Amino acid sequence: MKAFLIDRYGKHPGRIGEAPAPVVGAHDVLIEVHASSVNVLDSKISKGEFKLILPYSFPLVMGNDLAGVVIAVGSQVTRFKAGDAVYARPPETRIGTFAELIAVNENAIALKPANTSMAQAASLPLVALTAWQVLVDTARLQKGQKVLIHAGSGGVGTVAIQLAKHLGAFVATTTSTANVEWVKALGADQVIDYTRQNFESVLHGYDVVLNSLGADVLAKSLKVLKPGGQLISISGPPTAQFAQEQGLSWPLQQVMRLLSLGIRRKARKQDVSYRFVFMRANGAQLQQISALVEAGIIKPVIDRAFTFEATAEALKYVEQGRAKGKVVVTIK
């Protein structure tokens, strides 16, 4: 089958080549991929930033999101059948959605929202699950609470704003001048134009911050939280707790502990908590997200679509950090 692969870590564009057809296990669903989408995670994986956590082998088929059609199921699969239109974020140990076919454990899959195209559905799994696992699972965001979502025009930000509003929160976000009115239309109650304002000087008394940016923004975010507030980062630094959850070795757990020591100490001094969230595949949560999409509560946001042959170009475009919403790759 055709697939987009990398042969080693580094700043290499990757290539389209032939890859072996997937092996379908007893609990797997074989999916013909119609569309995928590009995430910042893809770039980080290709550069080797996760090689201690996720030791992939080469050649590695890239891609973390998919929408497509089931063409076969394993002997123990009970919830899907050939012909089902589905979408998923595969488990991180079995990525590879930039390909014509992929086998995915049925627990990671959900039926595609009926009111979306394949491209729209493919734009959602990783970012929507990230927003869900931060705001619902970790923060347990409640009606009337205040949440700051950084990078509101990005892939995670666009979904997180919509989800937070659905949960009844007051939502602030950061973005550039050109996107201020655009993120307001997504549901943001207060928008900080980071080119003109310092968010930490304007916002105060917040319950939750969702950080997807660098260490400087992470530290400044502590200033907007009230006592008992929660600083939750999807861009690091990782914690020892995360390392334990991933089943990493004791030495790696200590490395993660040291990496997050500074921000955890600062958080404790201000009586707030710090958590690192690394999104995990979850078909049951994705099915709940499907219901919100079908109800019009969450709308997919697509910046640009690329052909499968232009996957390397799509990755470069996402690395520039200017996409509004998601970038998709059409495969079929």
Protein backbone atom coordinates (compact mmCIF):
# COMPACT_ATOMS: atom_id res chain seq x y z
CA MET A 1 0.00 0.00 0.00
CA LYS A 2 1.05 3.62 -0.41
CA ALA A 3 2.07 5.48 2.74
CA PHE A 4 3.93 8.58 3.87
CA LEU A 5 7.03 7.45 5.79
CA ILE A 6 10.14 8.68 7.51
CA ASP A 7 13.35 6.62 7.54
CA ARG A 8 14.99 8.33 10.53
CA TYR A 9 14.46 11.14 12.98
CA GLY A 10 15.49 14.65 12.02
CA LYS A 11 14.50 17.57 9.82
CA HIS A 12 13.73 15.40 6.83
CA PRO A 13 10.54 15.90 4.81
CA GLY A 14 9.56 12.24 4.63
CA ARG A 15 8.51 10.40 1.49
CA ILE A 16 5.64 8.56 -0.10
CA GLY A 17 6.52 4.91 -0.64
CA GLU A 18 5.28 1.37 -0.33
CA ALA A 19 4.56 -0.13 3.09
CA PRO A 20 3.35 -3.60 4.08
CA ALA A 21 -0.41 -4.05 4.39
CA PRO A 22 -1.55 -3.91 8.04
CA VAL A 23 -1.84 -7.11 10.09
CA VAL A 24 -5.36 -7.30 11.48
CA GLY A 25 -5.52 -8.66 15.03
CA ALA A 26 -8.53 -10.24 16.70
CA HIS A 27 -9.68 -6.91 18.18
CA ASP A 28 -8.65 -4.76 15.20
CA VAL A 29 -10.68 -3.02 12.52
CA LEU A 30 -9.13 -2.65 9.06
CA ILE A 31 -9.94 0.81 7.72
CA GLU A 32 -9.60 2.25 4.23
CA VAL A 33 -8.38 5.75 5.03
CA HIS A 34 -10.18 8.53 3.16
CA ALA A 35 -8.69 11.51 5.01
CA SER A 36 -6.21 12.34 7.73
CA SER A 37 -5.09 15.55 9.38
CA VAL A 38 -1.77 17.04 10.41
CA ASN A 39 -0.91 17.87 14.01
CA VAL A 40 2.02 19.55 15.73
CA LEU A 41 2.56 16.11 17.27
CA ASP A 42 3.48 14.74 13.83
CA SER A 43 6.33 17.22 13.52
CA LYS A 44 7.56 16.46 17.05
CA ILE A 45 7.51 12.72 16.39
CA SER A 46 9.42 13.09 13.11
CA LYS A 47 12.14 15.13 14.84
CA GLY A 48 12.54 12.49 17.56
CA GLU A 49 11.18 14.57 20.43
CA PHE A 50 9.24 11.60 21.79
CA LYS A 51 11.77 8.84 21.15
CA LEU A 52 12.30 8.20 24.87
CA ILE A 53 8.57 7.84 25.44
CA LEU A 54 7.56 6.24 22.15
CA PRO A 55 10.36 4.08 20.70
CA TYR A 56 9.18 3.68 17.09
CA SER A 57 10.95 1.55 14.50
CA PHE A 58 11.74 2.56 10.92
CA PRO A 59 10.55 3.06 8.30
CA LEU A 60 7.73 4.73 10.26
CA VAL A 61 4.37 5.48 8.68
CA MET A 62 3.29 8.88 10.02
CA GLY A 63 -0.15 10.25 10.92
CA ASN A 64 -2.35 10.42 14.02
CA ASP A 65 -5.89 11.13 12.76
CA LEU A 66 -8.17 9.35 10.35
CA ALA A 67 -11.62 9.09 8.85
CA GLY A 68 -12.52 6.24 6.55
CA VAL A 69 -14.55 3.11 5.89
CA VAL A 70 -14.26 -0.28 7.58
CA ILE A 71 -13.36 -3.00 5.08
CA ALA A 72 -12.75 -5.92 7.48
CA VAL A 73 -12.89 -6.73 11.19
CA GLY A 74 -10.98 -9.08 13.46
CA SER A 75 -12.56 -12.24 14.86
CA GLN A 76 -13.34 -10.68 18.26
CA VAL A 77 -14.68 -7.32 17.05
CA THR A 78 -18.31 -6.78 18.03
CA ARG A 79 -19.07 -3.08 17.53
CA PHE A 80 -18.13 -2.44 13.90
CA LYS A 81 -18.75 -4.06 10.54
CA ALA A 82 -17.59 -3.67 6.96
CA GLY A 83 -19.05 -0.54 5.41
CA ASP A 84 -19.16 1.55 8.61
CA ALA A 85 -17.92 5.11 8.24
CA VAL A 86 -15.60 5.71 11.22
CA TYR A 87 -13.01 8.09 12.61
CA ALA A 88 -10.24 7.64 15.16
CA ARG A 89 -6.99 8.66 16.73
CA PRO A 90 -5.08 5.35 16.85
CA PRO A 91 -3.20 4.41 20.04
CA GLU A 92 0.18 6.18 20.07
CA THR A 93 2.06 2.90 19.71
CA ARG A 94 0.28 2.13 16.42
CA ILE A 95 0.15 5.38 14.47
CA GLY A 96 0.21 5.47 10.68
CA THR A 97 -2.84 7.24 9.26
CA PHE A 98 -0.97 8.80 6.31
CA ALA A 99 -1.62 5.58 4.41
CA GLU A 100 -4.23 3.88 2.27
CA LEU A 101 -5.01 1.32 5.01
CA ILE A 102 -4.60 1.02 8.76
CA ALA A 103 -5.58 -1.54 11.40
CA VAL A 104 -6.86 0.05 14.62
CA ASN A 105 -8.05 -1.53 17.87
CA GLU A 106 -11.83 -1.22 18.02
CA ASN A 107 -11.63 0.55 21.41
CA ALA A 108 -10.07 3.58 19.70
CA ILE A 109 -12.74 3.95 17.02
CA ALA A 110 -16.11 5.70 16.82
CA LEU A 111 -18.71 6.08 14.11
CA LYS A 112 -18.10 9.22 12.08
CA PRO A 113 -20.47 12.11 12.86
CA ALA A 114 -23.24 11.84 10.27
CA ASN A 115 -23.17 15.55 9.44
CA THR A 116 -19.47 15.72 8.55
CA SER A 117 -17.45 14.99 5.45
CA MET A 118 -14.51 12.61 5.71
CA ALA A 119 -12.12 15.58 5.77
CA GLN A 120 -14.09 17.32 8.54
CA ALA A 121 -14.22 14.13 10.62
CA ALA A 122 -10.50 13.51 10.14
CA SER A 123 -9.74 16.97 11.53
CA LEU A 124 -11.25 16.15 14.91
CA PRO A 125 -10.02 13.07 16.82
CA LEU A 126 -6.68 14.16 18.28
CA VAL A 127 -7.63 17.76 19.05
CA ALA A 128 -11.14 16.97 20.28
CA LEU A 129 -9.92 14.17 22.54
CA THR A 130 -7.19 16.48 23.85
CA ALA A 131 -9.74 19.18 24.69
CA TRP A 132 -12.04 16.59 26.30
CA GLN A 133 -9.33 14.99 28.40
CA VAL A 134 -8.09 18.38 29.62
CA LEU A 135 -11.42 20.10 30.29
CA VAL A 136 -13.70 17.19 31.22
CA ASP A 137 -11.40 14.47 32.61
CA THR A 138 -8.64 16.51 34.25
CA ALA A 139 -10.04 19.98 35.04
CA ARG A 140 -13.63 18.75 35.58
CA LEU A 141 -14.67 22.17 34.31
CA GLN A 142 -17.96 23.35 35.83
CA LYS A 143 -20.62 25.81 34.75
CA GLY A 144 -19.66 29.34 35.78
CA GLN A 145 -15.93 28.66 36.07
CA LYS A 146 -13.38 30.71 34.15
CA VAL A 147 -10.93 29.08 31.75
CA LEU A 148 -8.07 30.55 29.72
CA ILE A 149 -7.36 28.62 26.52
CA HIS A 150 -4.10 29.66 24.89
CA ALA A 151 -3.75 29.73 21.09
CA GLY A 152 -7.48 29.89 20.47
CA SER A 153 -7.15 29.80 16.69
CA GLY A 154 -5.11 26.58 16.68
CA GLY A 155 -6.33 23.02 16.28
CA VAL A 156 -6.86 22.28 19.98
CA GLY A 157 -7.92 25.84 20.76
CA THR A 158 -10.78 25.97 18.26
CA VAL A 159 -12.36 22.81 19.69
CA ALA A 160 -11.56 23.63 23.33
CA ILE A 161 -13.32 27.01 23.10
CA GLN A 162 -16.47 25.35 21.76
CA LEU A 163 -16.37 22.56 24.35
CA ALA A 164 -15.74 24.94 27.26
CA LYS A 165 -18.70 27.10 26.22
CA HIS A 166 -20.88 23.98 26.05
CA LEU A 167 -19.80 23.15 29.61
CA GLY A 168 -20.97 26.59 30.72
CA ALA A 169 -17.60 28.22 31.39
CA PHE A 170 -16.49 31.81 30.82
CA VAL A 171 -13.80 31.48 28.15
CA ALA A 172 -10.80 33.71 27.56
CA THR A 173 -8.27 33.01 24.83
CA THR A 174 -5.12 34.41 23.26
CA THR A 175 -4.57 34.96 19.55
CA SER A 176 -3.10 37.44 17.06
CA THR A 177 -4.81 40.60 15.79
CA ALA A 178 -6.09 39.01 12.60
CA ASN A 179 -7.97 36.29 14.48
CA VAL A 180 -9.60 38.27 17.31
CA GLU A 181 -13.10 38.49 15.81
CA TRP A 182 -12.79 34.98 14.40
CA VAL A 183 -12.23 33.33 17.81
CA LYS A 184 -15.03 35.45 19.30
CA ALA A 185 -17.31 33.87 16.72
CA LEU A 186 -16.24 30.44 18.02
CA GLY A 187 -17.56 31.44 21.46
CA ALA A 188 -14.69 33.13 23.31
CA ASP A 189 -15.97 35.67 25.84
CA GLN A 190 -12.71 37.59 26.17
CA VAL A 191 -9.90 37.66 23.62
CA ILE A 192 -6.37 38.83 24.35
CA ASP A 193 -4.45 40.02 21.30
CA TYR A 194 -0.98 38.87 22.31
CA THR A 195 0.64 41.36 19.92
CA ARG A 196 -0.85 44.26 21.92
CA GLN A 197 -1.57 42.97 25.43
CA ASN A 198 0.06 40.82 28.08
CA PHE A 199 -2.55 38.29 29.09
CA GLU A 200 -1.11 37.96 32.61
CA SER A 201 -1.71 41.67 33.23
CA VAL A 202 -5.34 41.56 32.08
CA LEU A 203 -6.76 38.26 33.33
CA HIS A 204 -7.18 37.33 36.99
CA GLY A 205 -9.10 34.89 39.14
CA TYR A 206 -9.24 32.02 36.65
CA ASP A 207 -10.01 28.43 37.60
CA VAL A 208 -8.24 26.66 34.73
CA VAL A 209 -5.57 27.40 32.12
CA LEU A 210 -5.05 25.13 29.10
CA ASN A 211 -1.50 25.73 27.88
CA SER A 212 -0.22 24.57 24.50
CA LEU A 213 2.66 27.02 24.19
CA GLY A 214 6.20 27.38 25.54
CA ALA A 215 7.77 27.63 28.98
CA ASP A 216 7.51 31.43 29.18
CA VAL A 217 3.74 31.39 28.61
CA LEU A 218 3.41 28.47 31.02
CA ALA A 219 5.07 30.40 33.86
CA LYS A 220 3.12 33.60 33.16
CA SER A 221 -0.12 31.59 33.20
CA LEU A 222 0.28 30.98 36.93
CA LYS A 223 -0.44 34.68 37.48
CA VAL A 224 -4.00 34.46 36.11
CA LEU A 225 -5.06 31.56 38.34
CA LYS A 226 -6.83 31.93 41.65
CA PRO A 227 -5.84 29.82 44.69
CA GLY A 228 -6.84 26.22 44.01
CA GLY A 229 -6.69 26.79 40.26
CA GLN A 230 -5.34 24.31 37.74
CA LEU A 231 -2.57 24.85 35.19
CA ILE A 232 -2.83 22.06 32.61
CA SER A 233 -0.28 21.81 29.82
CA ILE A 234 -0.31 19.67 26.69
CA SER A 235 3.10 20.93 25.56
CA GLY A 236 5.12 20.01 28.64
CA PRO A 237 7.08 19.72 30.70
CA PRO A 238 5.98 16.14 31.50
CA THR A 239 5.72 14.93 35.09
CA ALA A 240 6.72 11.78 36.97
CA GLN A 241 3.03 10.93 37.27
CA PHE A 242 2.75 10.96 33.47
CA ALA A 243 5.84 8.74 33.23
CA GLN A 244 4.27 6.26 35.66
CA GLU A 245 1.02 6.23 33.67
CA GLN A 246 3.02 5.53 30.50
CA GLY A 247 4.83 2.65 32.21
CA LEU A 248 8.23 4.27 31.72
CA SER A 249 11.30 3.13 33.63
CA TRP A 250 12.23 4.51 37.05
CA PRO A 251 15.15 6.55 35.64
CA LEU A 252 12.86 8.14 33.06
CA GLN A 253 10.32 8.89 35.79
CA GLN A 254 13.06 10.80 37.62
CA VAL A 255 13.98 12.68 34.43
CA MET A 256 10.33 13.76 34.05
CA ARG A 257 10.24 14.75 37.72
CA LEU A 258 13.25 17.02 37.21
CA LEU A 259 11.92 18.49 33.97
CA SER A 260 8.73 19.65 35.71
CA LEU A 261 10.29 20.54 39.07
CA GLY A 262 10.51 24.27 38.39
CA ILE A 263 6.93 24.81 37.29
CA ARG A 264 5.57 22.53 40.01
CA ARG A 265 7.43 24.51 42.69
CA LYS A 266 6.13 27.81 41.30
CA ALA A 267 2.60 26.38 41.19
CA ARG A 268 2.77 25.21 44.81
CA LYS A 269 3.93 28.66 45.95
CA GLN A 270 0.79 30.14 44.41
CA ASP A 271 -1.47 27.38 45.76
CA VAL A 272 -2.33 26.04 42.31
CA SER A 273 -1.76 22.63 40.72
CA TYR A 274 0.21 21.70 37.62
CA ARG A 275 -0.68 18.74 35.39
CA PHE A 276 0.70 17.50 32.09
CA VAL A 277 -1.80 15.78 29.78
CA PHE A 278 -0.71 13.51 26.93
CA MET A 279 -3.79 12.65 24.90
CA ARG A 280 -4.74 8.97 24.73
CA ALA A 281 -6.92 7.17 22.20
CA ASN A 282 -10.47 6.61 23.43
CA GLY A 283 -13.31 5.51 21.18
CA ALA A 284 -15.99 5.90 23.87
CA GLN A 285 -15.07 9.57 24.39
CA LEU A 286 -14.93 10.05 20.64
CA GLN A 287 -18.49 8.75 20.39
CA GLN A 288 -19.59 11.40 22.92
CA ILE A 289 -17.80 14.00 20.81
CA SER A 290 -19.67 12.71 17.76
CA ALA A 291 -22.95 13.46 19.51
CA LEU A 292 -21.82 17.06 20.16
CA VAL A 293 -20.77 17.45 16.53
CA GLU A 294 -24.09 16.08 15.27
CA ALA A 295 -25.92 18.49 17.61
CA GLY A 296 -23.98 21.42 16.13
CA ILE A 297 -22.27 22.18 19.45
CA ILE A 298 -18.77 21.45 18.11
CA LYS A 299 -18.01 22.41 14.52
CA PRO A 300 -14.86 21.24 12.73
CA VAL A 301 -12.56 24.06 11.62
CA ILE A 302 -10.38 23.41 8.58
CA ASP A 303 -7.73 25.84 7.38
CA ARG A 304 -6.46 24.03 4.28
CA ALA A 305 -6.67 20.67 2.55
CA PHE A 306 -3.71 19.02 0.81
CA THR A 307 -3.56 16.01 -1.49
CA PHE A 308 -1.87 12.83 -0.25
CA GLU A 309 1.04 13.53 -2.61
CA ALA A 310 1.55 16.91 -0.89
CA THR A 311 1.72 15.49 2.67
CA ALA A 312 5.27 16.81 3.19
CA GLU A 313 4.06 20.28 2.19
CA ALA A 314 1.15 19.98 4.65
CA LEU A 315 3.59 19.16 7.46
CA LYS A 316 5.73 22.19 6.61
CA TYR A 317 2.66 24.42 6.59
CA VAL A 318 1.59 23.25 10.07
CA GLU A 319 5.12 23.78 11.40
CA GLN A 320 4.80 27.49 10.53
CA GLY A 321 2.19 27.78 13.30
CA ARG A 322 -0.23 29.97 11.36
CA ALA A 323 -3.03 27.54 10.60
CA LYS A 324 -6.53 28.50 11.75
CA GLY A 325 -7.97 25.22 12.93
CA LYS A 326 -6.76 22.05 11.25
CA VAL A 327 -4.91 21.08 8.10
CA VAL A 328 -6.22 17.94 6.40
CA VAL A 329 -4.80 15.47 3.90
CA THR A 330 -7.20 13.77 1.50
CA ILE A 331 -6.12 10.23 0.72
CA LYS A 332 -9.08 8.83 -1.22
